[in-house]
Amino acid sequence: SINAMAWYRQAPGKQREFIATISTGGSTNYADSVKG
């Protein structure tokens, strides 16, 4: 089984950052930096 799936990113010298996630039902959340 797979629950939520997500994307993260990590720039050089920086901490890994949350980008977006999507639930099994299709509900999504985005980081403010990438919304829109």
PDB file of all heavy atoms in Angstrom:
ATOM      1  N   SER A   1       0.833  -1.187   0.000  1.00  0.00           N
ATOM      2  CA  SER A   1       0.000   0.000   0.000  1.00  0.00           C
ATOM      3  C   SER A   1       0.872   1.242   0.000  1.00  0.00           C
ATOM      4  O   SER A   1       1.928   1.266   0.623  1.00  0.00           O
ATOM      5  CB  SER A   1      -0.922   0.011   1.222  1.00  0.00           C
ATOM      6  OG  SER A   1      -1.753   1.158   1.234  1.00  0.00           O
ATOM      7  N   ILE A   2       0.416   2.263  -0.690  1.00  0.00           N
ATOM      8  CA  ILE A   2       1.067   3.561  -0.694  1.00  0.00           C
ATOM      9  C   ILE A   2       0.084   4.608  -0.185  1.00  0.00           C
ATOM     10  O   ILE A   2      -1.046   4.686  -0.668  1.00  0.00           O
ATOM     11  CB  ILE A   2       1.554   3.963  -2.092  1.00  0.00           C
ATOM     12  CG1 ILE A   2       2.603   2.977  -2.605  1.00  0.00           C
ATOM     13  CG2 ILE A   2       2.129   5.377  -2.074  1.00  0.00           C
ATOM     14  CD1 ILE A   2       3.082   3.271  -4.003  1.00  0.00           C
ATOM     15  N   ASN A   3       0.524   5.387   0.771  1.00  0.00           N
ATOM     16  CA  ASN A   3      -0.292   6.490   1.250  1.00  0.00           C
ATOM     17  C   ASN A   3       0.110   7.762   0.505  1.00  0.00           C
ATOM     18  O   ASN A   3       0.173   7.760  -0.716  1.00  0.00           O
ATOM     19  CB  ASN A   3      -0.152   6.638   2.761  1.00  0.00           C
ATOM     20  CG  ASN A   3      -0.806   5.488   3.498  1.00  0.00           C
ATOM     21  OD1 ASN A   3      -1.810   4.937   3.042  1.00  0.00           O
ATOM     22  ND2 ASN A   3      -0.256   5.121   4.645  1.00  0.00           N
ATOM     23  N   ALA A   4       0.371   8.822   1.220  1.00  0.00           N
ATOM     24  CA  ALA A   4       0.721  10.078   0.565  1.00  0.00           C
ATOM     25  C   ALA A   4       2.062   9.970  -0.149  1.00  0.00           C
ATOM     26  O   ALA A   4       2.968   9.256   0.285  1.00  0.00           O
ATOM     27  CB  ALA A   4       0.763  11.207   1.585  1.00  0.00           C
ATOM     28  N   MET A   5       2.173  10.688  -1.244  1.00  0.00           N
ATOM     29  CA  MET A   5       3.428  10.820  -1.960  1.00  0.00           C
ATOM     30  C   MET A   5       3.789  12.299  -1.991  1.00  0.00           C
ATOM     31  O   MET A   5       2.907  13.157  -1.949  1.00  0.00           O
ATOM     32  CB  MET A   5       3.317  10.251  -3.373  1.00  0.00           C
ATOM     33  CG  MET A   5       2.864   8.805  -3.409  1.00  0.00           C
ATOM     34  SD  MET A   5       2.866   8.077  -5.066  1.00  0.00           S
ATOM     35  CE  MET A   5       4.627   7.790  -5.299  1.00  0.00           C
ATOM     36  N   ALA A   6       5.065  12.580  -2.071  1.00  0.00           N
ATOM     37  CA  ALA A   6       5.497  13.958  -1.941  1.00  0.00           C
ATOM     38  C   ALA A   6       6.769  14.215  -2.722  1.00  0.00           C
ATOM     39  O   ALA A   6       7.487  13.293  -3.116  1.00  0.00           O
ATOM     40  CB  ALA A   6       5.721  14.318  -0.469  1.00  0.00           C
ATOM     41  N   TRP A   7       7.031  15.488  -2.930  1.00  0.00           N
ATOM     42  CA  TRP A   7       8.276  15.956  -3.513  1.00  0.00           C
ATOM     43  C   TRP A   7       8.978  16.890  -2.537  1.00  0.00           C
ATOM     44  O   TRP A   7       8.333  17.747  -1.919  1.00  0.00           O
ATOM     45  CB  TRP A   7       8.043  16.701  -4.825  1.00  0.00           C
ATOM     46  CG  TRP A   7       7.673  15.819  -5.971  1.00  0.00           C
ATOM     47  CD1 TRP A   7       6.432  15.527  -6.410  1.00  0.00           C
ATOM     48  CD2 TRP A   7       8.584  15.116  -6.827  1.00  0.00           C
ATOM     49  NE1 TRP A   7       6.482  14.685  -7.494  1.00  0.00           N
ATOM     50  CE2 TRP A   7       7.796  14.420  -7.767  1.00  0.00           C
ATOM     51  CE3 TRP A   7       9.978  15.010  -6.891  1.00  0.00           C
ATOM     52  CZ2 TRP A   7       8.360  13.623  -8.767  1.00  0.00           C
ATOM     53  CZ3 TRP A   7      10.535  14.217  -7.879  1.00  0.00           C
ATOM     54  CH2 TRP A   7       9.733  13.537  -8.800  1.00  0.00           C
ATOM     55  N   TYR A   8      10.273  16.713  -2.421  1.00  0.00           N
ATOM     56  CA  TYR A   8      11.142  17.591  -1.657  1.00  0.00           C
ATOM     57  C   TYR A   8      12.269  18.045  -2.562  1.00  0.00           C
ATOM     58  O   TYR A   8      12.502  17.467  -3.619  1.00  0.00           O
ATOM     59  CB  TYR A   8      11.730  16.876  -0.439  1.00  0.00           C
ATOM     60  CG  TYR A   8      10.757  16.625   0.691  1.00  0.00           C
ATOM     61  CD1 TYR A   8       9.744  15.680   0.577  1.00  0.00           C
ATOM     62  CD2 TYR A   8      10.867  17.328   1.887  1.00  0.00           C
ATOM     63  CE1 TYR A   8       8.862  15.444   1.614  1.00  0.00           C
ATOM     64  CE2 TYR A   8       9.990  17.097   2.930  1.00  0.00           C
ATOM     65  CZ  TYR A   8       8.997  16.150   2.790  1.00  0.00           C
ATOM     66  OH  TYR A   8       8.122  15.918   3.826  1.00  0.00           O
ATOM     67  N   ARG A   9      12.972  19.065  -2.131  1.00  0.00           N
ATOM     68  CA  ARG A   9      14.151  19.488  -2.864  1.00  0.00           C
ATOM     69  C   ARG A   9      15.218  19.952  -1.895  1.00  0.00           C
ATOM     70  O   ARG A   9      14.930  20.338  -0.768  1.00  0.00           O
ATOM     71  CB  ARG A   9      13.825  20.595  -3.868  1.00  0.00           C
ATOM     72  CG  ARG A   9      13.446  21.935  -3.246  1.00  0.00           C
ATOM     73  CD  ARG A   9      12.993  22.906  -4.322  1.00  0.00           C
ATOM     74  NE  ARG A   9      12.669  24.217  -3.777  1.00  0.00           N
ATOM     75  CZ  ARG A   9      12.085  25.191  -4.459  1.00  0.00           C
ATOM     76  NH1 ARG A   9      11.764  24.995  -5.739  1.00  0.00           N
ATOM     77  NH2 ARG A   9      11.825  26.359  -3.877  1.00  0.00           N
ATOM     78  N   GLN A  10      16.445  19.911  -2.362  1.00  0.00           N
ATOM     79  CA  GLN A  10      17.566  20.338  -1.549  1.00  0.00           C
ATOM     80  C   GLN A  10      18.567  21.080  -2.416  1.00  0.00           C
ATOM     81  O   GLN A  10      19.143  20.508  -3.339  1.00  0.00           O
ATOM     82  CB  GLN A  10      18.239  19.143  -0.869  1.00  0.00           C
ATOM     83  CG  GLN A  10      19.295  19.528   0.144  1.00  0.00           C
ATOM     84  CD  GLN A  10      19.701  18.357   1.008  1.00  0.00           C
ATOM     85  OE1 GLN A  10      19.502  17.198   0.648  1.00  0.00           O
ATOM     86  NE2 GLN A  10      20.262  18.649   2.171  1.00  0.00           N
ATOM     87  N   ALA A  11      18.737  22.345  -2.111  1.00  0.00           N
ATOM     88  CA  ALA A  11      19.711  23.168  -2.803  1.00  0.00           C
ATOM     89  C   ALA A  11      21.062  23.029  -2.116  1.00  0.00           C
ATOM     90  O   ALA A  11      21.137  22.663  -0.935  1.00  0.00           O
ATOM     91  CB  ALA A  11      19.263  24.624  -2.816  1.00  0.00           C
ATOM     92  N   PRO A  12      22.143  23.321  -2.815  1.00  0.00           N
ATOM     93  CA  PRO A  12      23.475  23.204  -2.221  1.00  0.00           C
ATOM     94  C   PRO A  12      23.607  24.014  -0.939  1.00  0.00           C
ATOM     95  O   PRO A  12      23.256  25.193  -0.903  1.00  0.00           O
ATOM     96  CB  PRO A  12      24.401  23.745  -3.308  1.00  0.00           C
ATOM     97  CG  PRO A  12      23.669  23.489  -4.579  1.00  0.00           C
ATOM     98  CD  PRO A  12      22.221  23.713  -4.236  1.00  0.00           C
ATOM     99  N   GLY A  13      24.074  23.378   0.116  1.00  0.00           N
ATOM    100  CA  GLY A  13      24.286  24.048   1.381  1.00  0.00           C
ATOM    101  C   GLY A  13      23.039  24.323   2.184  1.00  0.00           C
ATOM    102  O   GLY A  13      23.117  24.991   3.221  1.00  0.00           O
ATOM    103  N   LYS A  14      21.901  23.832   1.736  1.00  0.00           N
ATOM    104  CA  LYS A  14      20.652  24.095   2.423  1.00  0.00           C
ATOM    105  C   LYS A  14      19.986  22.800   2.879  1.00  0.00           C
ATOM    106  O   LYS A  14      20.315  21.711   2.412  1.00  0.00           O
ATOM    107  CB  LYS A  14      19.696  24.876   1.521  1.00  0.00           C
ATOM    108  CG  LYS A  14      20.189  26.261   1.130  1.00  0.00           C
ATOM    109  CD  LYS A  14      19.156  26.997   0.308  1.00  0.00           C
ATOM    110  CE  LYS A  14      19.637  28.386  -0.061  1.00  0.00           C
ATOM    111  NZ  LYS A  14      18.621  29.115  -0.884  1.00  0.00           N
ATOM    112  N   GLN A  15      19.044  22.961   3.787  1.00  0.00           N
ATOM    113  CA  GLN A  15      18.280  21.836   4.296  1.00  0.00           C
ATOM    114  C   GLN A  15      17.268  21.364   3.257  1.00  0.00           C
ATOM    115  O   GLN A  15      16.816  22.144   2.416  1.00  0.00           O
ATOM    116  CB  GLN A  15      17.565  22.241   5.586  1.00  0.00           C
ATOM    117  CG  GLN A  15      17.058  21.071   6.410  1.00  0.00           C
ATOM    118  CD  GLN A  15      18.132  20.474   7.277  1.00  0.00           C
ATOM    119  OE1 GLN A  15      19.222  20.135   6.821  1.00  0.00           O
ATOM    120  NE2 GLN A  15      17.823  20.332   8.559  1.00  0.00           N
ATOM    121  N   ARG A  16      16.935  20.093   3.330  1.00  0.00           N
ATOM    122  CA  ARG A  16      15.914  19.570   2.437  1.00  0.00           C
ATOM    123  C   ARG A  16      14.575  20.248   2.728  1.00  0.00           C
ATOM    124  O   ARG A  16      14.162  20.378   3.878  1.00  0.00           O
ATOM    125  CB  ARG A  16      15.802  18.061   2.582  1.00  0.00           C
ATOM    126  CG  ARG A  16      14.919  17.404   1.532  1.00  0.00           C
ATOM    127  CD  ARG A  16      15.119  15.898   1.496  1.00  0.00           C
ATOM    128  NE  ARG A  16      16.476  15.531   1.101  1.00  0.00           N
ATOM    129  CZ  ARG A  16      16.886  14.291   0.896  1.00  0.00           C
ATOM    130  NH1 ARG A  16      16.030  13.279   1.027  1.00  0.00           N
ATOM    131  NH2 ARG A  16      18.143  14.058   0.563  1.00  0.00           N
ATOM    132  N   GLU A  17      13.895  20.640   1.674  1.00  0.00           N
ATOM    133  CA  GLU A  17      12.704  21.469   1.759  1.00  0.00           C
ATOM    134  C   GLU A  17      11.490  20.760   1.182  1.00  0.00           C
ATOM    135  O   GLU A  17      11.552  20.192   0.087  1.00  0.00           O
ATOM    136  CB  GLU A  17      12.954  22.786   1.007  1.00  0.00           C
ATOM    137  CG  GLU A  17      11.755  23.705   0.873  1.00  0.00           C
ATOM    138  CD  GLU A  17      12.013  24.858  -0.080  1.00  0.00           C
ATOM    139  OE1 GLU A  17      12.987  24.776  -0.866  1.00  0.00           O
ATOM    140  OE2 GLU A  17      11.251  25.839  -0.040  1.00  0.00           O
ATOM    141  N   PHE A  18      10.399  20.815   1.902  1.00  0.00           N
ATOM    142  CA  PHE A  18       9.141  20.267   1.410  1.00  0.00           C
ATOM    143  C   PHE A  18       8.617  21.102   0.255  1.00  0.00           C
ATOM    144  O   PHE A  18       8.625  22.333   0.304  1.00  0.00           O
ATOM    145  CB  PHE A  18       8.103  20.246   2.532  1.00  0.00           C
ATOM    146  CG  PHE A  18       6.696  20.028   2.057  1.00  0.00           C
ATOM    147  CD1 PHE A  18       6.247  18.764   1.715  1.00  0.00           C
ATOM    148  CD2 PHE A  18       5.820  21.092   1.941  1.00  0.00           C
ATOM    149  CE1 PHE A  18       4.953  18.557   1.270  1.00  0.00           C
ATOM    150  CE2 PHE A  18       4.522  20.903   1.503  1.00  0.00           C
ATOM    151  CZ  PHE A  18       4.091  19.627   1.165  1.00  0.00           C
ATOM    152  N   ILE A  19       8.142  20.437  -0.787  1.00  0.00           N
ATOM    153  CA  ILE A  19       7.610  21.121  -1.959  1.00  0.00           C
ATOM    154  C   ILE A  19       6.110  20.886  -2.116  1.00  0.00           C
ATOM    155  O   ILE A  19       5.324  21.829  -2.202  1.00  0.00           O
ATOM    156  CB  ILE A  19       8.334  20.683  -3.243  1.00  0.00           C
ATOM    157  CG1 ILE A  19       9.816  21.062  -3.166  1.00  0.00           C
ATOM    158  CG2 ILE A  19       7.681  21.324  -4.468  1.00  0.00           C
ATOM    159  CD1 ILE A  19      10.052  22.544  -2.999  1.00  0.00           C
ATOM    160  N   ALA A  20       5.713  19.636  -2.177  1.00  0.00           N
ATOM    161  CA  ALA A  20       4.306  19.328  -2.425  1.00  0.00           C
ATOM    162  C   ALA A  20       4.009  17.901  -2.003  1.00  0.00           C
ATOM    163  O   ALA A  20       4.882  17.035  -2.027  1.00  0.00           O
ATOM    164  CB  ALA A  20       3.955  19.517  -3.902  1.00  0.00           C
ATOM    165  N   THR A  21       2.766  17.665  -1.636  1.00  0.00           N
ATOM    166  CA  THR A  21       2.326  16.320  -1.292  1.00  0.00           C
ATOM    167  C   THR A  21       0.930  16.086  -1.846  1.00  0.00           C
ATOM    168  O   THR A  21       0.165  17.036  -2.058  1.00  0.00           O
ATOM    169  CB  THR A  21       2.340  16.094   0.234  1.00  0.00           C
ATOM    170  OG1 THR A  21       2.057  14.722   0.529  1.00  0.00           O
ATOM    171  CG2 THR A  21       1.304  16.974   0.928  1.00  0.00           C
ATOM    172  N   ILE A  22       0.618  14.829  -2.071  1.00  0.00           N
ATOM    173  CA  ILE A  22      -0.701  14.459  -2.570  1.00  0.00           C
ATOM    174  C   ILE A  22      -1.138  13.185  -1.870  1.00  0.00           C
ATOM    175  O   ILE A  22      -0.384  12.221  -1.747  1.00  0.00           O
ATOM    176  CB  ILE A  22      -0.693  14.300  -4.106  1.00  0.00           C
ATOM    177  CG1 ILE A  22      -2.103  13.991  -4.623  1.00  0.00           C
ATOM    178  CG2 ILE A  22       0.312  13.245  -4.556  1.00  0.00           C
ATOM    179  CD1 ILE A  22      -2.226  14.129  -6.136  1.00  0.00           C
ATOM    180  N   SER A  23      -2.369  13.183  -1.388  1.00  0.00           N
ATOM    181  CA  SER A  23      -2.912  12.041  -0.675  1.00  0.00           C
ATOM    182  C   SER A  23      -3.432  11.003  -1.645  1.00  0.00           C
ATOM    183  O   SER A  23      -3.503  11.224  -2.854  1.00  0.00           O
ATOM    184  CB  SER A  23      -4.032  12.495   0.260  1.00  0.00           C
ATOM    185  OG  SER A  23      -5.182  12.873  -0.481  1.00  0.00           O
ATOM    186  N   THR A  24      -3.830   9.855  -1.103  1.00  0.00           N
ATOM    187  CA  THR A  24      -4.404   8.809  -1.940  1.00  0.00           C
ATOM    188  C   THR A  24      -5.679   9.271  -2.616  1.00  0.00           C
ATOM    189  O   THR A  24      -6.003   8.814  -3.714  1.00  0.00           O
ATOM    190  CB  THR A  24      -4.688   7.549  -1.120  1.00  0.00           C
ATOM    191  OG1 THR A  24      -5.520   7.877   0.000  1.00  0.00           O
ATOM    192  CG2 THR A  24      -3.396   6.933  -0.612  1.00  0.00           C
ATOM    193  N   GLY A  25      -6.407  10.168  -1.968  1.00  0.00           N
ATOM    194  CA  GLY A  25      -7.633  10.696  -2.526  1.00  0.00           C
ATOM    195  C   GLY A  25      -7.456  11.889  -3.443  1.00  0.00           C
ATOM    196  O   GLY A  25      -8.432  12.393  -4.000  1.00  0.00           O
ATOM    197  N   GLY A  26      -6.228  12.359  -3.585  1.00  0.00           N
ATOM    198  CA  GLY A  26      -5.950  13.454  -4.495  1.00  0.00           C
ATOM    199  C   GLY A  26      -5.860  14.824  -3.858  1.00  0.00           C
ATOM    200  O   GLY A  26      -5.684  15.821  -4.566  1.00  0.00           O
ATOM    201  N   SER A  27      -5.978  14.901  -2.541  1.00  0.00           N
ATOM    202  CA  SER A  27      -5.824  16.181  -1.856  1.00  0.00           C
ATOM    203  C   SER A  27      -4.361  16.614  -1.891  1.00  0.00           C
ATOM    204  O   SER A  27      -3.467  15.799  -1.672  1.00  0.00           O
ATOM    205  CB  SER A  27      -6.305  16.064  -0.417  1.00  0.00           C
ATOM    206  OG  SER A  27      -6.151  17.287   0.271  1.00  0.00           O
ATOM    207  N   THR A  28      -4.123  17.884  -2.162  1.00  0.00           N
ATOM    208  CA  THR A  28      -2.761  18.380  -2.330  1.00  0.00           C
ATOM    209  C   THR A  28      -2.434  19.504  -1.364  1.00  0.00           C
ATOM    210  O   THR A  28      -3.308  20.233  -0.900  1.00  0.00           O
ATOM    211  CB  THR A  28      -2.527  18.884  -3.761  1.00  0.00           C
ATOM    212  OG1 THR A  28      -3.447  19.952  -4.044  1.00  0.00           O
ATOM    213  CG2 THR A  28      -2.738  17.767  -4.766  1.00  0.00           C
ATOM    214  N   ASN A  29      -1.155  19.632  -1.081  1.00  0.00           N
ATOM    215  CA  ASN A  29      -0.610  20.754  -0.331  1.00  0.00           C
ATOM    216  C   ASN A  29       0.697  21.175  -0.971  1.00  0.00           C
ATOM    217  O   ASN A  29       1.455  20.337  -1.452  1.00  0.00           O
ATOM    218  CB  ASN A  29      -0.378  20.387   1.132  1.00  0.00           C
ATOM    219  CG  ASN A  29      -1.644  20.387   1.948  1.00  0.00           C
ATOM    220  OD1 ASN A  29      -2.343  21.400   2.026  1.00  0.00           O
ATOM    221  ND2 ASN A  29      -1.955  19.259   2.569  1.00  0.00           N
ATOM    222  N   TYR A  30       0.958  22.478  -0.948  1.00  0.00           N
ATOM    223  CA  TYR A  30       2.149  23.024  -1.573  1.00  0.00           C
ATOM    224  C   TYR A  30       2.873  23.962  -0.633  1.00  0.00           C
ATOM    225  O   TYR A  30       2.255  24.647   0.187  1.00  0.00           O
ATOM    226  CB  TYR A  30       1.796  23.798  -2.841  1.00  0.00           C
ATOM    227  CG  TYR A  30       1.165  22.972  -3.924  1.00  0.00           C
ATOM    228  CD1 TYR A  30      -0.211  22.828  -4.008  1.00  0.00           C
ATOM    229  CD2 TYR A  30       1.956  22.337  -4.884  1.00  0.00           C
ATOM    230  CE1 TYR A  30      -0.791  22.073  -5.005  1.00  0.00           C
ATOM    231  CE2 TYR A  30       1.374  21.581  -5.891  1.00  0.00           C
ATOM    232  CZ  TYR A  30       0.003  21.452  -5.951  1.00  0.00           C
ATOM    233  OH  TYR A  30      -0.569  20.701  -6.951  1.00  0.00           O
ATOM    234  N   ALA A  31       4.170  24.010  -0.785  1.00  0.00           N
ATOM    235  CA  ALA A  31       4.940  25.033  -0.117  1.00  0.00           C
ATOM    236  C   ALA A  31       4.603  26.388  -0.729  1.00  0.00           C
ATOM    237  O   ALA A  31       4.306  26.493  -1.921  1.00  0.00           O
ATOM    238  CB  ALA A  31       6.434  24.756  -0.254  1.00  0.00           C
ATOM    239  N   ASP A  32       4.649  27.427   0.097  1.00  0.00           N
ATOM    240  CA  ASP A  32       4.315  28.756  -0.391  1.00  0.00           C
ATOM    241  C   ASP A  32       5.198  29.182  -1.565  1.00  0.00           C
ATOM    242  O   ASP A  32       4.751  29.907  -2.456  1.00  0.00           O
ATOM    243  CB  ASP A  32       4.439  29.781   0.735  1.00  0.00           C
ATOM    244  CG  ASP A  32       3.339  29.643   1.766  1.00  0.00           C
ATOM    245  OD1 ASP A  32       2.293  29.036   1.460  1.00  0.00           O
ATOM    246  OD2 ASP A  32       3.524  30.152   2.892  1.00  0.00           O
ATOM    247  N   SER A  33       6.419  28.731  -1.569  1.00  0.00           N
ATOM    248  CA  SER A  33       7.361  29.145  -2.594  1.00  0.00           C
ATOM    249  C   SER A  33       7.010  28.640  -3.988  1.00  0.00           C
ATOM    250  O   SER A  33       7.507  29.178  -4.984  1.00  0.00           O
ATOM    251  CB  SER A  33       8.776  28.679  -2.229  1.00  0.00           C
ATOM    252  OG  SER A  33       8.821  27.266  -2.102  1.00  0.00           O
ATOM    253  N   VAL A  34       6.157  27.626  -4.069  1.00  0.00           N
ATOM    254  CA  VAL A  34       5.837  27.049  -5.373  1.00  0.00           C
ATOM    255  C   VAL A  34       4.356  27.116  -5.707  1.00  0.00           C
ATOM    256  O   VAL A  34       3.958  26.703  -6.809  1.00  0.00           O
ATOM    257  CB  VAL A  34       6.320  25.592  -5.482  1.00  0.00           C
ATOM    258  CG1 VAL A  34       7.807  25.507  -5.181  1.00  0.00           C
ATOM    259  CG2 VAL A  34       5.525  24.684  -4.551  1.00  0.00           C
ATOM    260  N   LYS A  35       3.537  27.619  -4.815  1.00  0.00           N
ATOM    261  CA  LYS A  35       2.106  27.700  -5.071  1.00  0.00           C
ATOM    262  C   LYS A  35       1.822  28.523  -6.321  1.00  0.00           C
ATOM    263  O   LYS A  35       2.386  29.591  -6.520  1.00  0.00           O
ATOM    264  CB  LYS A  35       1.384  28.314  -3.876  1.00  0.00           C
ATOM    265  CG  LYS A  35       1.218  27.380  -2.697  1.00  0.00           C
ATOM    266  CD  LYS A  35       0.465  28.051  -1.561  1.00  0.00           C
ATOM    267  CE  LYS A  35       0.287  27.110  -0.388  1.00  0.00           C
ATOM    268  NZ  LYS A  35      -0.394  27.759   0.756  1.00  0.00           N
ATOM    269  N   GLY A  36       0.940  28.004  -7.143  1.00  0.00           N
ATOM    270  CA  GLY A  36       0.589  28.681  -8.376  1.00  0.00           C
ATOM    271  C   GLY A  36       1.510  28.382  -9.531  1.00  0.00           C
ATOM    272  O   GLY A  36       1.193  28.729 -10.675  1.00  0.00           O
TER     273      GLY A  36
END
